[in-house]
């Protein structure tokens, strides 16, 4: 049966879909009840943790693009939680009340969003959890990168870049978010046993502006670093800008994560010698659209889809940039 939704309903639905997905343990999930596969359309709601990060803006753009490949899927306006978990929970509860067919959610934080995802599951609304996990496995599928492995690769690069050891500044994402936790731990584990000290670290909330201010404060206090590790490219580039303004950018190396193939993204920054390296973190938009279609058609979906990463440095940046397609993956 076809349903109609208000604008407010649309925003809420998006949040729930992604939240329910995160936390599964089995390889393949059962076909979820999204309704009759012969119905005219399936309404998809998506709640985004925030729209401020370039990575998330690109994810939104790609999801809209790939959803259009499936005529029966109708994506509601994407709900922006603005890094506020209470807002995201409210959006999700609204989506549940409006009975959207499928929910996609990129949780701001795992713990606060878990009950809302559970509510969606109990309402038999299939949930796709995208990028960030929640503390339940009732979702239909989780799609995201291996953040621990990415952090570990960044740490291994730091060891190679600083063979004699040195001091590192770490700009962390939102502290309660799982990607931040994993990227921090992976890096820390990789540099153990080497003469490398993380002498300064702060939460910059994934934002370039916050990272710039923090780096300015550190430099004004007389801090010296050999390398800056940003949990995303935007924070690494914010720190690089502050260091450049202080005339110290050539004295340190910068590592980031995301590797967006856009003019202001990490790959171009590597080509411009602003970043030593960046690590590809695919958006998962193409996989999320395909999962929504499979759920709508009553097909089984894989419970957990781990997306691959790639180290991008000056020797492969140009080639990789040209290989990207709309999916944000290397062809």
Protein backbone atom coordinates (compact mmCIF):
# COMPACT_ATOMS: atom_id res chain seq x y z
CA UNK A 1 0.00 0.00 0.00
CA UNK A 2 1.33 3.42 -0.98
CA UNK A 3 2.07 5.85 1.86
CA UNK A 4 2.34 9.62 2.00
CA UNK A 5 4.81 11.51 4.21
CA UNK A 6 5.29 14.99 5.49
CA UNK A 7 8.66 16.74 5.23
CA UNK A 8 9.23 16.15 8.95
CA UNK A 9 8.48 12.50 8.51
CA UNK A 10 11.04 12.24 5.74
CA UNK A 11 13.84 13.53 7.91
CA UNK A 12 13.03 11.19 10.72
CA UNK A 13 12.86 8.11 8.56
CA UNK A 14 16.36 8.54 7.29
CA UNK A 15 17.78 8.42 10.78
CA UNK A 16 16.24 5.15 11.77
CA UNK A 17 17.25 3.18 8.73
CA UNK A 18 20.95 3.44 9.30
CA UNK A 19 20.86 3.09 13.05
CA UNK A 20 19.25 -0.31 13.10
CA UNK A 21 21.85 -1.80 10.84
CA UNK A 22 24.97 -1.38 12.98
CA UNK A 23 25.99 -4.21 15.33
CA UNK A 24 25.34 -7.42 13.48
CA UNK A 25 27.53 -10.42 13.79
CA UNK A 26 26.34 -12.99 11.27
CA UNK A 27 27.55 -13.13 7.66
CA UNK A 28 24.19 -12.89 5.98
CA UNK A 29 21.03 -11.30 7.26
CA UNK A 30 17.56 -12.61 6.65
CA UNK A 31 15.32 -10.92 4.14
CA UNK A 32 13.66 -8.03 5.94
CA UNK A 33 10.00 -7.12 5.78
CA UNK A 34 9.89 -3.88 3.80
CA UNK A 35 6.42 -4.57 2.49
CA UNK A 36 5.08 -6.15 -0.72
CA UNK A 37 7.77 -6.21 -3.43
CA UNK A 38 5.02 -5.51 -5.96
CA UNK A 39 4.05 -2.20 -4.35
CA UNK A 40 4.59 0.96 -6.41
CA UNK A 41 7.33 2.50 -4.30
CA UNK A 42 9.40 2.03 -1.15
CA UNK A 43 10.06 5.11 0.94
CA UNK A 44 13.61 5.32 2.23
CA UNK A 45 14.53 7.62 5.12
CA UNK A 46 18.11 8.58 5.84
CA UNK A 47 19.43 10.26 8.99
CA UNK A 48 22.92 11.68 8.62
CA UNK A 49 25.10 12.37 11.67
CA UNK A 50 25.91 15.79 10.21
CA UNK A 51 26.14 17.52 6.86
CA UNK A 52 29.10 19.73 7.78
CA UNK A 53 31.92 17.30 6.99
CA UNK A 54 32.95 17.10 3.30
CA UNK A 55 32.91 13.30 3.59
CA UNK A 56 29.26 13.32 4.65
CA UNK A 57 28.28 15.87 2.03
CA UNK A 58 29.82 13.57 -0.57
CA UNK A 59 28.05 10.55 0.92
CA UNK A 60 24.72 12.37 0.65
CA UNK A 61 25.40 13.31 -2.97
CA UNK A 62 26.36 9.77 -3.89
CA UNK A 63 23.40 8.19 -2.11
CA UNK A 64 20.97 10.40 -4.04
CA UNK A 65 22.76 9.42 -7.25
CA UNK A 66 22.64 5.67 -6.67
CA UNK A 67 19.10 5.56 -5.29
CA UNK A 68 17.95 6.92 -8.67
CA UNK A 69 19.10 3.67 -10.27
CA UNK A 70 16.17 1.94 -8.58
CA UNK A 71 12.82 3.40 -9.75
CA UNK A 72 10.83 1.93 -6.88
CA UNK A 73 12.97 3.57 -4.20
CA UNK A 74 11.96 7.03 -3.03
CA UNK A 75 14.57 8.78 -0.89
CA UNK A 76 13.12 11.38 1.44
CA UNK A 77 15.04 14.62 2.11
CA UNK A 78 18.11 13.67 4.12
CA UNK A 79 17.80 14.48 7.83
CA UNK A 80 20.77 16.34 9.31
CA UNK A 81 21.33 15.53 13.00
CA UNK A 82 24.00 18.26 13.25
CA UNK A 83 26.17 16.14 15.57
CA UNK A 84 23.34 16.06 18.12
CA UNK A 85 22.31 12.58 19.24
CA UNK A 86 19.08 13.78 20.87
CA UNK A 87 18.04 15.35 17.58
CA UNK A 88 18.85 12.16 15.73
CA UNK A 89 16.87 10.02 18.18
CA UNK A 90 13.87 12.32 17.73
CA UNK A 91 14.16 12.06 13.96
CA UNK A 92 14.29 8.29 14.13
CA UNK A 93 11.27 8.05 16.40
CA UNK A 94 9.35 10.22 13.99
CA UNK A 95 10.31 7.93 11.11
CA UNK A 96 9.06 4.93 13.07
CA UNK A 97 5.73 6.62 13.74
CA UNK A 98 5.36 7.43 10.05
CA UNK A 99 6.11 3.82 9.06
CA UNK A 100 8.68 4.39 6.35
CA UNK A 101 9.62 1.26 4.42
CA UNK A 102 13.38 1.32 4.95
CA UNK A 103 15.65 3.35 7.25
CA UNK A 104 19.28 4.27 6.70
CA UNK A 105 21.25 5.83 9.52
CA UNK A 106 24.77 7.10 10.09
CA UNK A 107 24.72 7.32 13.90
CA UNK A 108 26.25 10.30 15.61
CA UNK A 109 27.11 8.12 18.64
CA UNK A 110 26.47 4.41 19.23
CA UNK A 111 24.96 4.29 22.73
CA UNK A 112 22.32 7.05 22.45
CA UNK A 113 21.12 5.77 19.07
CA UNK A 114 20.90 2.09 19.98
CA UNK A 115 17.42 2.26 21.61
CA UNK A 116 16.01 4.08 18.59
CA UNK A 117 17.41 1.47 16.23
CA UNK A 118 15.93 -1.24 18.42
CA UNK A 119 12.55 0.49 18.26
CA UNK A 120 12.73 0.50 14.47
CA UNK A 121 13.54 -3.20 14.45
CA UNK A 122 10.62 -3.92 16.77
CA UNK A 123 8.40 -1.98 14.38
CA UNK A 124 9.69 -4.31 11.63
CA UNK A 125 11.31 -1.48 9.70
CA UNK A 126 14.51 -2.72 8.02
CA UNK A 127 17.50 -0.66 9.08
CA UNK A 128 20.73 -0.07 7.16
CA UNK A 129 23.51 1.19 9.41
CA UNK A 130 26.04 3.15 7.40
CA UNK A 131 29.61 4.06 8.40
CA UNK A 132 29.15 4.05 12.20
CA UNK A 133 27.93 1.23 14.42
CA UNK A 134 25.35 0.94 17.19
CA UNK A 135 25.23 -1.46 20.15
CA UNK A 136 22.70 -3.89 18.73
CA UNK A 137 22.68 -6.43 15.92
CA UNK A 138 19.01 -6.17 15.01
CA UNK A 139 19.72 -4.14 11.87
CA UNK A 140 19.49 -5.65 8.39
CA UNK A 141 23.02 -4.74 7.32
CA UNK A 142 26.01 -2.70 8.42
CA UNK A 143 28.13 -1.04 5.72
CA UNK A 144 31.40 0.66 6.56
CA UNK A 145 35.19 0.65 6.55
CA UNK A 146 37.58 -0.99 8.99
CA UNK A 147 38.57 2.05 11.03
CA UNK A 148 41.01 0.16 13.22
CA UNK A 149 42.90 -1.05 10.15
CA UNK A 150 42.93 2.46 8.70
CA UNK A 151 44.32 3.88 11.94
CA UNK A 152 46.91 1.12 12.01
CA UNK A 153 48.03 1.92 8.46
CA UNK A 154 48.38 5.58 9.41
CA UNK A 155 50.48 4.56 12.42
CA UNK A 156 52.69 2.38 10.25
CA UNK A 157 53.21 5.34 7.92
CA UNK A 158 54.16 7.50 10.91
CA UNK A 159 56.79 4.94 11.90
CA UNK A 160 58.24 5.02 8.37
CA UNK A 161 58.10 8.82 8.20
CA UNK A 162 59.85 9.20 11.57
CA UNK A 163 62.60 6.54 11.58
CA UNK A 164 64.41 8.32 14.41
CA UNK A 165 61.23 8.88 16.39
CA UNK A 166 59.49 12.15 17.11
CA UNK A 167 56.48 13.97 18.49
CA UNK A 168 52.98 13.59 17.09
CA UNK A 169 49.88 15.76 17.44
CA UNK A 170 46.62 13.85 17.12
CA UNK A 171 43.40 15.61 16.10
CA UNK A 172 40.54 13.31 17.03
CA UNK A 173 36.97 13.08 15.83
CA UNK A 174 33.96 13.14 18.17
CA UNK A 175 35.30 11.15 21.12
CA UNK A 176 32.21 9.00 21.60
CA UNK A 177 32.01 7.96 17.93
CA UNK A 178 33.23 4.49 16.99
CA UNK A 179 35.38 5.59 14.00
CA UNK A 180 37.32 7.93 16.30
CA UNK A 181 37.82 5.20 18.89
CA UNK A 182 39.05 2.71 16.30
CA UNK A 183 41.26 5.15 14.38
CA UNK A 184 42.90 6.23 17.63
CA UNK A 185 43.51 2.66 18.82
CA UNK A 186 44.83 1.43 15.48
CA UNK A 187 47.34 4.28 15.33
CA UNK A 188 48.40 3.82 18.96
CA UNK A 189 48.97 0.10 18.48
CA UNK A 190 51.05 0.66 15.34
CA UNK A 191 53.49 3.09 16.98
CA UNK A 192 54.02 0.99 20.12
CA UNK A 193 57.65 0.00 20.57
CA UNK A 194 58.89 2.93 18.53
CA UNK A 195 60.30 6.19 19.83
CA UNK A 196 57.18 8.11 18.83
CA UNK A 197 55.22 10.13 21.37
CA UNK A 198 51.71 11.53 20.93
CA UNK A 199 52.59 14.70 22.82
CA UNK A 200 49.31 16.53 22.18
CA UNK A 201 45.81 15.37 21.31
CA UNK A 202 42.42 17.06 21.23
CA UNK A 203 38.91 16.43 20.00
CA UNK A 204 38.34 18.55 16.88
CA UNK A 205 34.95 16.97 16.09
CA UNK A 206 35.88 16.14 12.47
CA UNK A 207 35.86 19.86 11.56
CA UNK A 208 38.58 21.82 9.77
CA UNK A 209 37.84 25.06 11.61
CA UNK A 210 38.12 23.41 15.03
CA UNK A 211 41.39 21.75 14.04
CA UNK A 212 42.84 25.04 12.82
CA UNK A 213 42.07 26.76 16.13
CA UNK A 214 43.51 23.90 18.18
CA UNK A 215 46.70 23.82 16.13
CA UNK A 216 47.07 27.58 16.47
CA UNK A 217 46.80 27.26 20.25
CA UNK A 218 49.42 24.53 20.36
CA UNK A 219 51.86 26.49 18.22
CA UNK A 220 51.31 29.67 20.21
CA UNK A 221 52.26 27.71 23.35
CA UNK A 222 55.53 26.77 21.71
CA UNK A 223 54.65 23.14 20.97
CA UNK A 224 56.75 21.46 18.28
CA UNK A 225 55.61 18.44 16.27
CA UNK A 226 57.20 16.20 13.69
CA UNK A 227 53.90 14.80 12.45
CA UNK A 228 50.19 15.57 12.73
CA UNK A 229 47.66 12.75 12.52
CA UNK A 230 44.12 13.90 11.73
CA UNK A 231 41.27 11.40 12.00
CA UNK A 232 40.01 12.85 8.74
CA UNK A 233 41.50 14.93 5.94
CA UNK A 234 39.58 18.03 6.96
CA UNK A 235 41.18 18.14 10.42
CA UNK A 236 44.63 17.36 9.01
CA UNK A 237 44.25 20.18 6.50
CA UNK A 238 43.01 22.55 9.19
CA UNK A 239 46.19 21.85 11.16
CA UNK A 240 48.32 22.25 8.03
CA UNK A 241 46.77 25.67 7.40
CA UNK A 242 47.58 26.82 10.94
CA UNK A 243 51.14 25.51 10.64
CA UNK A 244 51.58 27.25 7.30
CA UNK A 245 50.38 30.55 8.77
CA UNK A 246 53.03 30.14 11.48
CA UNK A 247 55.70 29.28 8.91
CA UNK A 248 56.09 25.75 10.30
CA UNK A 249 54.26 23.55 7.81
CA UNK A 250 57.50 22.36 6.18
CA UNK A 251 58.82 21.19 9.56
CA UNK A 252 56.17 18.51 9.98
CA UNK A 253 54.24 15.87 8.05
CA UNK A 254 50.45 15.55 7.95
CA UNK A 255 48.35 12.38 7.69
CA UNK A 256 44.61 12.33 7.01
CA UNK A 257 41.76 9.91 6.29
CA UNK A 258 38.91 9.93 3.72
CA UNK A 259 40.70 10.37 0.39
CA UNK A 260 37.84 12.16 -1.33
CA UNK A 261 38.34 12.66 -5.07
CA UNK A 262 37.09 16.25 -5.05
CA UNK A 263 39.06 19.50 -5.58
CA UNK A 264 39.20 20.23 -1.84
CA UNK A 265 39.70 16.60 -0.82
CA UNK A 266 42.57 14.58 0.53
CA UNK A 267 43.88 13.21 -2.76
CA UNK A 268 44.40 16.68 -4.21
CA UNK A 269 46.00 17.71 -0.90
CA UNK A 270 48.53 14.90 -1.29
CA UNK A 271 49.28 16.06 -4.84
CA UNK A 272 49.76 19.60 -3.52
CA UNK A 273 52.18 18.36 -0.82
CA UNK A 274 49.86 19.45 1.97
CA UNK A 275 49.41 15.88 3.18
CA UNK A 276 52.05 13.16 3.36
CA UNK A 277 49.32 10.56 2.91
CA UNK A 278 45.59 9.98 3.12
CA UNK A 279 43.66 6.74 3.51
CA UNK A 280 40.66 5.91 1.38
CA UNK A 281 37.43 5.64 3.37
CA UNK A 282 34.64 4.74 0.90
CA UNK A 283 31.23 6.27 1.59
CA UNK A 284 29.29 3.04 1.10
CA UNK A 285 26.55 4.95 -0.72
CA UNK A 286 26.41 2.55 -3.66
CA UNK A 287 26.25 -0.46 -1.34
CA UNK A 288 23.53 1.18 0.78
CA UNK A 289 21.36 1.88 -2.27
CA UNK A 290 21.79 -1.71 -3.47
CA UNK A 291 20.97 -3.05 0.00
CA UNK A 292 17.79 -0.94 0.12
CA UNK A 293 16.75 -2.31 -3.27
CA UNK A 294 17.43 -5.91 -2.23
CA UNK A 295 15.49 -5.45 1.00
CA UNK A 296 12.58 -3.96 -0.93
CA UNK A 297 12.60 -6.96 -3.28
CA UNK A 298 12.67 -9.42 -0.39
CA UNK A 299 16.22 -10.61 -1.04
CA UNK A 300 18.76 -11.54 1.62
CA UNK A 301 21.45 -8.96 2.34
CA UNK A 302 24.88 -9.55 3.83
CA UNK A 303 24.85 -8.70 7.53
CA UNK A 304 28.17 -6.89 7.46
CA UNK A 305 29.87 -5.28 4.47
CA UNK A 306 33.42 -4.10 5.20
CA UNK A 307 34.72 -1.65 2.60
CA UNK A 308 38.41 -1.71 1.55
CA UNK A 309 40.92 1.08 2.10
CA UNK A 310 44.00 2.23 0.18
CA UNK A 311 47.03 4.31 1.14
CA UNK A 312 47.32 7.33 -1.13
CA UNK A 313 50.67 9.10 -1.44
CA UNK A 314 52.41 11.29 -4.00
CA UNK A 315 53.41 8.34 -6.18
CA UNK A 316 49.84 7.11 -6.76
CA UNK A 317 47.61 10.12 -6.00
CA UNK A 318 47.18 11.35 -9.59
CA UNK A 319 46.41 7.88 -10.90
CA UNK A 320 43.93 7.12 -8.15
CA UNK A 321 42.17 10.47 -8.54
CA UNK A 322 41.51 9.70 -12.20
CA UNK A 323 40.25 6.20 -11.40
CA UNK A 324 37.46 7.29 -9.09
CA UNK A 325 33.87 7.03 -10.19
CA UNK A 326 30.70 8.37 -8.59
CA UNK A 327 30.77 5.58 -6.02
CA UNK A 328 33.85 7.03 -4.35
CA UNK A 329 35.69 3.80 -5.07
CA UNK A 330 38.64 3.02 -7.32
CA UNK A 331 37.47 1.52 -10.61
